[in-house]
Structure formats: C-alpha cells, structure tokens
Amino acid sequence: MAPQTQRQPSVTVRVFNQRFSSTRRGARLARLLALHQLDSWLIPYRSSLSESVGLIVAELATNAATHGCVPGRDFELGLLLTMGSLRVEVSDTRGDRVPPGPDLLAPPCPLADAGRGLCLVDALATRWGIASRTPAPGKTVWAELAVGPPGGHVAGRPLG
C-alpha cells in the first residue's frame, strides 16, 4: 500500500524590489510605483489597502531619502504579497541613524513641524519594526498589513 501524500494549499507570493535615488523625487517615485505594482496585483487604486500602503511607502521612503541618505547610495523598496499579508520594506545604507522602534515610539509634540510619520505607520500597519540590513550595511524599516480575500477586510477595514 502506497503512503498517502497530503496536498499543501497553494500560496501565491508576489515580490517587487526596486532601488531609488535618495532624493525627494526618488521617494515620490517609490510611492507611485508601489501603487502601480499593487494595481497590477489586482489591489485597485484608491482601495483602503492601496491608500494605506501609499502612505506607509511615502513616509518610509521619505525617511530613507532624508535621514538615511549616504551620498551616492540609493534606498530600496520591497513589497511582498502573500496570502494574508502585505509587507513593505524600505532599506537604506545608514545603519547609525536608527529610528525608535514600535515599543519606544513617543507621541509627537502637538506643535512640532515633524515627528508624526512613524506614528502614522504605527496606526496603519498591523505591525512594523526595524532590522539590520544584510549583507550590506544599513537598516530596513518594514511594515505589514493584513490582507483579506476580495470583499474581506484589511486591518479591520473593508477592502475598497
């Protein structure tokens, strides 16, 4: 008698990686290409997931271009879509300037001109954090969002 094999459920994994110049224009292009990539993965423009990812990419890419910039070095955007989650990763080559992680994030000063970006990421993402960039020097700031089936929910909100 032959042993029975169990079929694993198929898991769709989609990956996007791109490097951008460490400039405001590079950060803007990262956001636009992320939204375009999501649309090609059938996550439509203006959906709640697309809007959340756009804001997260804009914040992390701007931080990488502004605070993580090393002259002559780019930052990298990565998107990973799997069953149940979408992960956004932004890597730069400046490992000595690490923002506070989710556990150390302080509320922004109400009158300050800056300091709200990671609070926005914290509010939109299911979870987020910071990791060392390997093998290259630097860091990766990542955020994950829950992704439900079409007509389902994303991080507690209906898909738009």
N, C-alpha and C. Protein backbone atom coordinates (compact mmCIF):
# COMPACT_ATOMS: atom_id res chain seq x y z
N MET A 1 0.85 -1.17 0.00
CA MET A 1 0.00 0.00 0.00
C MET A 1 0.89 1.24 0.00
N ALA A 2 0.65 2.14 -0.93
CA ALA A 2 1.46 3.36 -1.06
C ALA A 2 1.04 4.38 -0.01
N PRO A 3 2.03 5.11 0.56
CA PRO A 3 1.67 6.13 1.54
C PRO A 3 0.90 7.27 0.88
N GLN A 4 -0.04 7.80 1.61
CA GLN A 4 -0.82 8.91 1.08
C GLN A 4 -0.03 10.20 1.26
N THR A 5 -0.12 11.04 0.25
CA THR A 5 0.53 12.34 0.35
C THR A 5 -0.54 13.39 0.54
N GLN A 6 -0.24 14.35 1.38
CA GLN A 6 -1.18 15.45 1.59
C GLN A 6 -0.80 16.60 0.70
N ARG A 7 -1.79 17.19 0.08
CA ARG A 7 -1.55 18.36 -0.77
C ARG A 7 -1.50 19.61 0.10
N GLN A 8 -0.46 20.35 -0.12
CA GLN A 8 -0.33 21.64 0.56
C GLN A 8 -1.19 22.66 -0.17
N PRO A 9 -1.86 23.54 0.56
CA PRO A 9 -2.60 24.59 -0.15
C PRO A 9 -1.61 25.49 -0.89
N SER A 10 -2.01 25.92 -2.08
CA SER A 10 -1.12 26.77 -2.84
C SER A 10 -1.06 28.16 -2.21
N VAL A 11 0.12 28.73 -2.20
CA VAL A 11 0.34 30.05 -1.64
C VAL A 11 0.90 30.92 -2.75
N THR A 12 0.22 32.01 -3.00
CA THR A 12 0.68 32.93 -4.02
C THR A 12 1.60 33.95 -3.35
N VAL A 13 2.80 34.04 -3.85
CA VAL A 13 3.75 35.02 -3.35
C VAL A 13 4.12 35.94 -4.51
N ARG A 14 3.99 37.22 -4.27
CA ARG A 14 4.37 38.20 -5.28
C ARG A 14 5.39 39.12 -4.65
N VAL A 15 6.45 39.42 -5.42
CA VAL A 15 7.56 40.21 -4.89
C VAL A 15 7.88 41.34 -5.87
N PHE A 16 8.16 42.51 -5.30
CA PHE A 16 8.60 43.67 -6.07
C PHE A 16 9.77 44.29 -5.33
N ASN A 17 10.89 44.54 -6.01
CA ASN A 17 12.05 45.22 -5.45
C ASN A 17 12.56 46.24 -6.44
N GLN A 18 12.87 47.43 -5.95
CA GLN A 18 13.39 48.47 -6.82
C GLN A 18 14.24 49.43 -5.99
N ARG A 19 15.33 49.89 -6.59
CA ARG A 19 16.17 50.91 -5.94
C ARG A 19 15.80 52.28 -6.49
N PHE A 20 15.94 53.29 -5.61
CA PHE A 20 15.62 54.67 -5.98
C PHE A 20 16.71 55.59 -5.47
N SER A 21 16.87 56.71 -6.14
CA SER A 21 17.83 57.70 -5.67
C SER A 21 17.35 58.27 -4.33
N SER A 22 18.28 58.58 -3.46
CA SER A 22 17.94 59.10 -2.13
C SER A 22 17.63 60.59 -2.22
N THR A 23 16.52 60.89 -2.89
CA THR A 23 16.05 62.26 -3.09
C THR A 23 14.54 62.30 -2.85
N ARG A 24 13.99 63.50 -2.76
CA ARG A 24 12.53 63.62 -2.65
C ARG A 24 11.85 63.02 -3.87
N ARG A 25 12.45 63.23 -5.02
CA ARG A 25 11.88 62.68 -6.26
C ARG A 25 11.90 61.15 -6.22
N GLY A 26 12.98 60.58 -5.69
CA GLY A 26 13.05 59.12 -5.55
C GLY A 26 11.98 58.60 -4.60
N ALA A 27 11.73 59.31 -3.50
CA ALA A 27 10.69 58.90 -2.55
C ALA A 27 9.30 58.96 -3.19
N ARG A 28 9.06 60.01 -3.96
CA ARG A 28 7.76 60.15 -4.65
C ARG A 28 7.59 59.04 -5.68
N LEU A 29 8.63 58.75 -6.43
CA LEU A 29 8.56 57.69 -7.42
C LEU A 29 8.34 56.33 -6.76
N ALA A 30 8.94 56.11 -5.60
CA ALA A 30 8.74 54.85 -4.88
C ALA A 30 7.26 54.67 -4.54
N ARG A 31 6.62 55.73 -4.05
CA ARG A 31 5.19 55.65 -3.73
C ARG A 31 4.36 55.37 -4.98
N LEU A 32 4.63 56.08 -6.06
CA LEU A 32 3.86 55.89 -7.28
C LEU A 32 4.03 54.49 -7.85
N LEU A 33 5.26 53.98 -7.87
CA LEU A 33 5.48 52.64 -8.40
C LEU A 33 4.90 51.56 -7.49
N ALA A 34 4.89 51.79 -6.18
CA ALA A 34 4.26 50.84 -5.26
C ALA A 34 2.77 50.74 -5.56
N LEU A 35 2.12 51.88 -5.75
CA LEU A 35 0.68 51.87 -6.06
C LEU A 35 0.41 51.22 -7.40
N HIS A 36 1.27 51.48 -8.37
CA HIS A 36 1.12 50.84 -9.69
C HIS A 36 1.29 49.33 -9.57
N GLN A 37 2.27 48.90 -8.79
CA GLN A 37 2.51 47.46 -8.61
C GLN A 37 1.32 46.80 -7.93
N LEU A 38 0.76 47.44 -6.91
CA LEU A 38 -0.42 46.88 -6.25
C LEU A 38 -1.57 46.74 -7.23
N ASP A 39 -1.76 47.74 -8.07
CA ASP A 39 -2.83 47.68 -9.07
C ASP A 39 -2.61 46.50 -10.02
N SER A 40 -1.36 46.25 -10.39
CA SER A 40 -1.08 45.10 -11.28
C SER A 40 -1.31 43.77 -10.56
N TRP A 41 -1.28 43.79 -9.22
CA TRP A 41 -1.59 42.60 -8.41
C TRP A 41 -3.07 42.54 -8.05
N LEU A 42 -3.89 43.36 -8.72
CA LEU A 42 -5.34 43.41 -8.54
C LEU A 42 -5.76 43.98 -7.19
N ILE A 43 -4.94 44.86 -6.65
CA ILE A 43 -5.32 45.67 -5.49
C ILE A 43 -5.52 47.07 -6.05
N PRO A 44 -6.76 47.47 -6.28
CA PRO A 44 -7.03 48.68 -7.07
C PRO A 44 -6.59 49.97 -6.39
N TYR A 45 -6.27 50.94 -7.24
CA TYR A 45 -6.01 52.29 -6.77
C TYR A 45 -7.19 52.75 -5.93
N ARG A 46 -6.92 53.54 -4.93
CA ARG A 46 -7.92 54.17 -4.07
C ARG A 46 -8.62 53.19 -3.13
N SER A 47 -8.26 51.90 -3.15
CA SER A 47 -8.81 50.98 -2.16
C SER A 47 -8.16 51.32 -0.82
N SER A 48 -8.75 50.86 0.27
CA SER A 48 -8.19 51.19 1.59
C SER A 48 -6.78 50.61 1.73
N LEU A 49 -6.54 49.42 1.19
CA LEU A 49 -5.20 48.84 1.26
C LEU A 49 -4.21 49.67 0.45
N SER A 50 -4.59 50.06 -0.76
CA SER A 50 -3.72 50.86 -1.60
C SER A 50 -3.41 52.21 -0.94
N GLU A 51 -4.42 52.84 -0.37
CA GLU A 51 -4.21 54.13 0.30
C GLU A 51 -3.27 53.97 1.49
N SER A 52 -3.46 52.93 2.29
CA SER A 52 -2.59 52.70 3.46
C SER A 52 -1.15 52.43 3.03
N VAL A 53 -0.98 51.58 2.03
CA VAL A 53 0.37 51.28 1.55
C VAL A 53 1.02 52.53 0.98
N GLY A 54 0.27 53.33 0.23
CA GLY A 54 0.81 54.57 -0.32
C GLY A 54 1.34 55.50 0.77
N LEU A 55 0.59 55.64 1.84
CA LEU A 55 1.04 56.50 2.95
C LEU A 55 2.27 55.92 3.65
N ILE A 56 2.28 54.61 3.85
CA ILE A 56 3.42 53.97 4.51
C ILE A 56 4.67 54.09 3.65
N VAL A 57 4.56 53.79 2.37
CA VAL A 57 5.71 53.90 1.47
C VAL A 57 6.20 55.34 1.42
N ALA A 58 5.28 56.29 1.33
CA ALA A 58 5.68 57.70 1.28
C ALA A 58 6.48 58.07 2.53
N GLU A 59 6.04 57.67 3.69
CA GLU A 59 6.73 58.01 4.93
C GLU A 59 8.09 57.32 5.03
N LEU A 60 8.12 56.01 4.79
CA LEU A 60 9.39 55.28 4.94
C LEU A 60 10.40 55.69 3.87
N ALA A 61 9.93 55.92 2.65
CA ALA A 61 10.85 56.34 1.58
C ALA A 61 11.37 57.74 1.83
N THR A 62 10.52 58.64 2.32
CA THR A 62 10.98 60.00 2.64
C THR A 62 12.00 59.96 3.77
N ASN A 63 11.74 59.14 4.79
CA ASN A 63 12.72 58.99 5.87
C ASN A 63 14.05 58.46 5.36
N ALA A 64 13.99 57.47 4.47
CA ALA A 64 15.22 56.90 3.92
C ALA A 64 15.99 57.93 3.11
N ALA A 65 15.26 58.72 2.32
CA ALA A 65 15.92 59.73 1.48
C ALA A 65 16.44 60.90 2.31
N THR A 66 15.76 61.21 3.41
CA THR A 66 16.13 62.37 4.22
C THR A 66 17.14 62.02 5.32
N HIS A 67 16.82 61.00 6.11
CA HIS A 67 17.63 60.68 7.29
C HIS A 67 18.60 59.53 7.06
N GLY A 68 18.31 58.67 6.09
CA GLY A 68 19.15 57.51 5.84
C GLY A 68 20.06 57.68 4.66
N CYS A 69 20.14 58.89 4.15
CA CYS A 69 20.90 59.15 2.93
C CYS A 69 22.40 59.14 3.18
N VAL A 70 23.10 58.39 2.36
CA VAL A 70 24.55 58.42 2.28
C VAL A 70 24.84 58.86 0.84
N PRO A 71 25.63 59.94 0.66
CA PRO A 71 25.87 60.43 -0.70
C PRO A 71 26.31 59.31 -1.66
N GLY A 72 25.64 59.26 -2.79
CA GLY A 72 25.97 58.26 -3.81
C GLY A 72 25.32 56.91 -3.59
N ARG A 73 24.53 56.75 -2.56
CA ARG A 73 23.87 55.47 -2.27
C ARG A 73 22.35 55.61 -2.40
N ASP A 74 21.73 54.60 -2.94
CA ASP A 74 20.29 54.58 -3.14
C ASP A 74 19.59 53.96 -1.94
N PHE A 75 18.26 54.08 -1.90
CA PHE A 75 17.47 53.29 -0.96
C PHE A 75 16.68 52.28 -1.78
N GLU A 76 16.19 51.25 -1.13
CA GLU A 76 15.49 50.18 -1.82
C GLU A 76 14.10 49.97 -1.22
N LEU A 77 13.13 49.79 -2.11
CA LEU A 77 11.76 49.47 -1.72
C LEU A 77 11.49 48.02 -2.06
N GLY A 78 10.89 47.32 -1.13
CA GLY A 78 10.47 45.94 -1.38
C GLY A 78 9.02 45.77 -0.98
N LEU A 79 8.26 45.06 -1.79
CA LEU A 79 6.88 44.69 -1.47
C LEU A 79 6.78 43.18 -1.57
N LEU A 80 6.14 42.56 -0.59
CA LEU A 80 5.96 41.11 -0.58
C LEU A 80 4.50 40.83 -0.25
N LEU A 81 3.77 40.27 -1.21
CA LEU A 81 2.36 39.94 -1.02
C LEU A 81 2.23 38.44 -0.90
N THR A 82 1.68 37.98 0.21
CA THR A 82 1.40 36.57 0.43
C THR A 82 -0.05 36.43 0.85
N MET A 83 -0.50 35.23 1.00
CA MET A 83 -1.86 35.01 1.49
C MET A 83 -1.93 35.55 2.92
N GLY A 84 -2.69 36.57 3.12
CA GLY A 84 -2.89 37.09 4.46
C GLY A 84 -2.12 38.34 4.83
N SER A 85 -1.06 38.68 4.08
CA SER A 85 -0.33 39.89 4.46
C SER A 85 0.40 40.52 3.28
N LEU A 86 0.63 41.81 3.43
CA LEU A 86 1.44 42.58 2.50
C LEU A 86 2.53 43.24 3.33
N ARG A 87 3.78 43.00 2.97
CA ARG A 87 4.92 43.55 3.70
C ARG A 87 5.59 44.61 2.83
N VAL A 88 5.83 45.77 3.43
CA VAL A 88 6.55 46.88 2.80
C VAL A 88 7.89 46.97 3.51
N GLU A 89 8.98 47.00 2.74
CA GLU A 89 10.32 47.16 3.31
C GLU A 89 11.03 48.30 2.61
N VAL A 90 11.62 49.19 3.38
CA VAL A 90 12.44 50.26 2.82
C VAL A 90 13.79 50.17 3.50
N SER A 91 14.84 49.99 2.69
CA SER A 91 16.20 49.82 3.21
C SER A 91 17.07 50.98 2.76
N ASP A 92 17.92 51.43 3.68
CA ASP A 92 18.91 52.43 3.32
C ASP A 92 20.26 51.97 3.85
N THR A 93 21.31 52.70 3.52
CA THR A 93 22.67 52.27 3.88
C THR A 93 23.20 52.97 5.12
N ARG A 94 22.36 53.68 5.83
CA ARG A 94 22.80 54.39 7.02
C ARG A 94 22.34 53.64 8.27
N GLY A 95 23.19 52.79 8.79
CA GLY A 95 22.84 51.99 9.96
C GLY A 95 23.01 52.70 11.27
N ASP A 96 23.69 53.86 11.26
CA ASP A 96 23.95 54.56 12.52
C ASP A 96 22.78 55.46 12.94
N ARG A 97 21.84 55.71 12.05
CA ARG A 97 20.68 56.54 12.39
C ARG A 97 19.43 55.67 12.36
N VAL A 98 19.13 55.06 13.50
CA VAL A 98 18.01 54.13 13.60
C VAL A 98 16.88 54.82 14.35
N PRO A 99 15.68 54.86 13.75
CA PRO A 99 14.55 55.49 14.45
C PRO A 99 14.11 54.62 15.62
N PRO A 100 13.32 55.19 16.53
CA PRO A 100 12.81 54.37 17.63
C PRO A 100 11.86 53.31 17.08
N GLY A 101 11.93 52.13 17.63
CA GLY A 101 11.04 51.05 17.20
C GLY A 101 9.64 51.24 17.76
N PRO A 102 8.74 50.33 17.44
CA PRO A 102 7.35 50.46 17.88
C PRO A 102 7.20 50.55 19.40
N ASP A 103 8.08 49.87 20.13
CA ASP A 103 7.98 49.87 21.59
C ASP A 103 8.46 51.17 22.21
N LEU A 104 9.30 51.93 21.50
CA LEU A 104 9.88 53.15 22.04
C LEU A 104 9.30 54.43 21.42
N LEU A 105 8.34 54.27 20.55
CA LEU A 105 7.77 55.40 19.82
C LEU A 105 7.00 56.30 20.78
N ALA A 106 7.43 57.56 20.86
CA ALA A 106 6.77 58.53 21.72
C ALA A 106 5.74 59.32 20.92
N PRO A 107 4.66 59.77 21.56
CA PRO A 107 3.70 60.59 20.82
C PRO A 107 4.35 61.89 20.38
N PRO A 108 4.00 62.37 19.18
CA PRO A 108 4.61 63.60 18.69
C PRO A 108 4.14 64.82 19.48
N CYS A 109 4.98 65.82 19.51
CA CYS A 109 4.61 67.09 20.13
C CYS A 109 3.52 67.73 19.27
N PRO A 110 2.42 68.19 19.86
CA PRO A 110 1.31 68.73 19.05
C PRO A 110 1.69 69.92 18.18
N LEU A 111 2.67 70.72 18.60
CA LEU A 111 3.03 71.91 17.84
C LEU A 111 4.25 71.71 16.94
N ALA A 112 4.83 70.52 16.96
CA ALA A 112 6.03 70.27 16.16
C ALA A 112 5.70 70.19 14.68
N ASP A 113 6.68 70.58 13.86
CA ASP A 113 6.51 70.51 12.40
C ASP A 113 6.79 69.11 11.86
N ALA A 114 7.43 68.26 12.64
CA ALA A 114 7.82 66.93 12.18
C ALA A 114 7.61 65.94 13.32
N GLY A 115 7.84 64.66 13.02
CA GLY A 115 7.79 63.64 14.06
C GLY A 115 6.52 62.82 14.10
N ARG A 116 5.66 63.00 13.12
CA ARG A 116 4.41 62.24 13.11
C ARG A 116 4.42 61.04 12.18
N GLY A 117 5.44 60.92 11.35
CA GLY A 117 5.45 59.90 10.30
C GLY A 117 5.39 58.48 10.81
N LEU A 118 6.23 58.13 11.77
CA LEU A 118 6.21 56.76 12.27
C LEU A 118 4.97 56.48 13.09
N CYS A 119 4.36 57.52 13.67
CA CYS A 119 3.07 57.34 14.35
C CYS A 119 2.00 56.96 13.33
N LEU A 120 2.09 57.54 12.14
CA LEU A 120 1.18 57.20 11.06
C LEU A 120 1.38 55.74 10.64
N VAL A 121 2.63 55.34 10.47
CA VAL A 121 2.95 53.95 10.13
C VAL A 121 2.39 53.03 11.21
N ASP A 122 2.59 53.38 12.47
CA ASP A 122 2.11 52.58 13.59
C ASP A 122 0.59 52.43 13.56
N ALA A 123 -0.11 53.49 13.18
CA ALA A 123 -1.57 53.46 13.13
C ALA A 123 -2.10 52.63 11.96
N LEU A 124 -1.40 52.64 10.82
CA LEU A 124 -1.89 51.98 9.62
C LEU A 124 -1.48 50.51 9.51
N ALA A 125 -0.31 50.18 10.02
CA ALA A 125 0.23 48.83 9.86
C ALA A 125 -0.29 47.90 10.96
N THR A 126 -0.40 46.64 10.62
CA THR A 126 -0.73 45.63 11.61
C THR A 126 0.42 45.49 12.59
N ARG A 127 1.63 45.52 12.05
CA ARG A 127 2.85 45.54 12.86
C ARG A 127 3.97 46.10 12.01
N TRP A 128 5.03 46.61 12.67
CA TRP A 128 6.16 47.17 11.96
C TRP A 128 7.39 47.07 12.85
N GLY A 129 8.55 47.27 12.24
CA GLY A 129 9.78 47.20 13.01
C GLY A 129 10.98 47.60 12.18
N ILE A 130 12.15 47.40 12.79
CA ILE A 130 13.41 47.79 12.18
C ILE A 130 14.36 46.60 12.28
N ALA A 131 15.08 46.33 11.20
CA ALA A 131 16.03 45.22 11.19
C ALA A 131 17.34 45.68 10.55
N SER A 132 18.42 45.02 10.91
CA SER A 132 19.70 45.28 10.25
C SER A 132 19.61 44.80 8.82
N ARG A 133 20.25 45.53 7.95
CA ARG A 133 20.26 45.17 6.53
C ARG A 133 21.41 44.21 6.30
N THR A 134 21.12 43.07 5.71
CA THR A 134 22.18 42.11 5.43
C THR A 134 22.14 41.77 3.95
N PRO A 135 23.24 41.56 3.32
CA PRO A 135 24.62 41.61 3.82
C PRO A 135 25.19 43.01 3.83
N ALA A 136 24.51 43.94 3.18
CA ALA A 136 25.04 45.31 3.06
C ALA A 136 24.85 46.07 4.38
N PRO A 137 25.59 47.15 4.57
CA PRO A 137 25.39 47.95 5.77
C PRO A 137 24.07 48.71 5.70
N GLY A 138 23.56 49.07 6.85
CA GLY A 138 22.35 49.87 6.89
C GLY A 138 21.25 49.21 7.68
N LYS A 139 20.01 49.65 7.40
CA LYS A 139 18.85 49.15 8.11
C LYS A 139 17.68 49.00 7.16
N THR A 140 16.72 48.23 7.59
CA THR A 140 15.45 48.07 6.87
C THR A 140 14.33 48.37 7.84
N VAL A 141 13.47 49.29 7.46
CA VAL A 141 12.25 49.56 8.23
C VAL A 141 11.13 48.88 7.45
N TRP A 142 10.37 48.04 8.13
CA TRP A 142 9.33 47.27 7.48
C TRP A 142 7.98 47.48 8.17
N ALA A 143 6.93 47.26 7.41
CA ALA A 143 5.57 47.34 7.94
C ALA A 143 4.75 46.25 7.25
N GLU A 144 3.88 45.62 8.01
CA GLU A 144 3.00 44.59 7.47
C GLU A 144 1.54 45.01 7.66
N LEU A 145 0.75 44.70 6.65
CA LEU A 145 -0.68 44.96 6.70
C LEU A 145 -1.41 43.66 6.45
N ALA A 146 -2.48 43.43 7.20
CA ALA A 146 -3.29 42.23 6.99
C ALA A 146 -4.07 42.39 5.69
N VAL A 147 -4.11 41.31 4.92
CA VAL A 147 -4.82 41.32 3.64
C VAL A 147 -5.84 40.20 3.68
N GLY A 148 -7.08 40.57 3.46
CA GLY A 148 -8.13 39.57 3.43
C GLY A 148 -8.51 39.23 2.00
N PRO A 149 -9.41 38.28 1.83
CA PRO A 149 -9.88 37.93 0.48
C PRO A 149 -10.69 39.08 -0.10
N PRO A 150 -10.90 39.09 -1.42
CA PRO A 150 -11.72 40.13 -2.03
C PRO A 150 -13.07 40.20 -1.31
N GLY A 151 -13.48 41.40 -0.99
CA GLY A 151 -14.71 41.59 -0.22
C GLY A 151 -14.48 41.42 1.27
N GLY A 152 -13.27 41.06 1.66
CA GLY A 152 -12.94 40.85 3.05
C GLY A 152 -12.49 42.14 3.71
N HIS A 153 -11.60 42.00 4.66
CA HIS A 153 -11.14 43.17 5.41
C HIS A 153 -9.63 43.25 5.40
N VAL A 154 -9.15 44.46 5.58
CA VAL A 154 -7.72 44.72 5.73
C VAL A 154 -7.55 45.48 7.02
N ALA A 155 -6.81 44.89 7.94
CA ALA A 155 -6.53 45.53 9.22
C ALA A 155 -7.81 46.12 9.85
N GLY A 156 -8.90 45.34 9.79
CA GLY A 156 -10.14 45.77 10.41
C GLY A 156 -11.03 46.66 9.56
N ARG A 157 -10.57 47.03 8.37
CA ARG A 157 -11.36 47.89 7.49
C ARG A 157 -11.75 47.12 6.25
N PRO A 158 -12.92 47.41 5.68
CA PRO A 158 -13.29 46.71 4.46
C PRO A 158 -12.38 47.09 3.30
N LEU A 159 -12.10 46.13 2.44
CA LEU A 159 -11.36 46.42 1.21
C LEU A 159 -12.23 47.30 0.33
N GLY A 160 -11.59 48.33 -0.26
CA GLY A 160 -12.38 49.29 -1.06
C GLY A 160 -12.39 49.00 -2.45
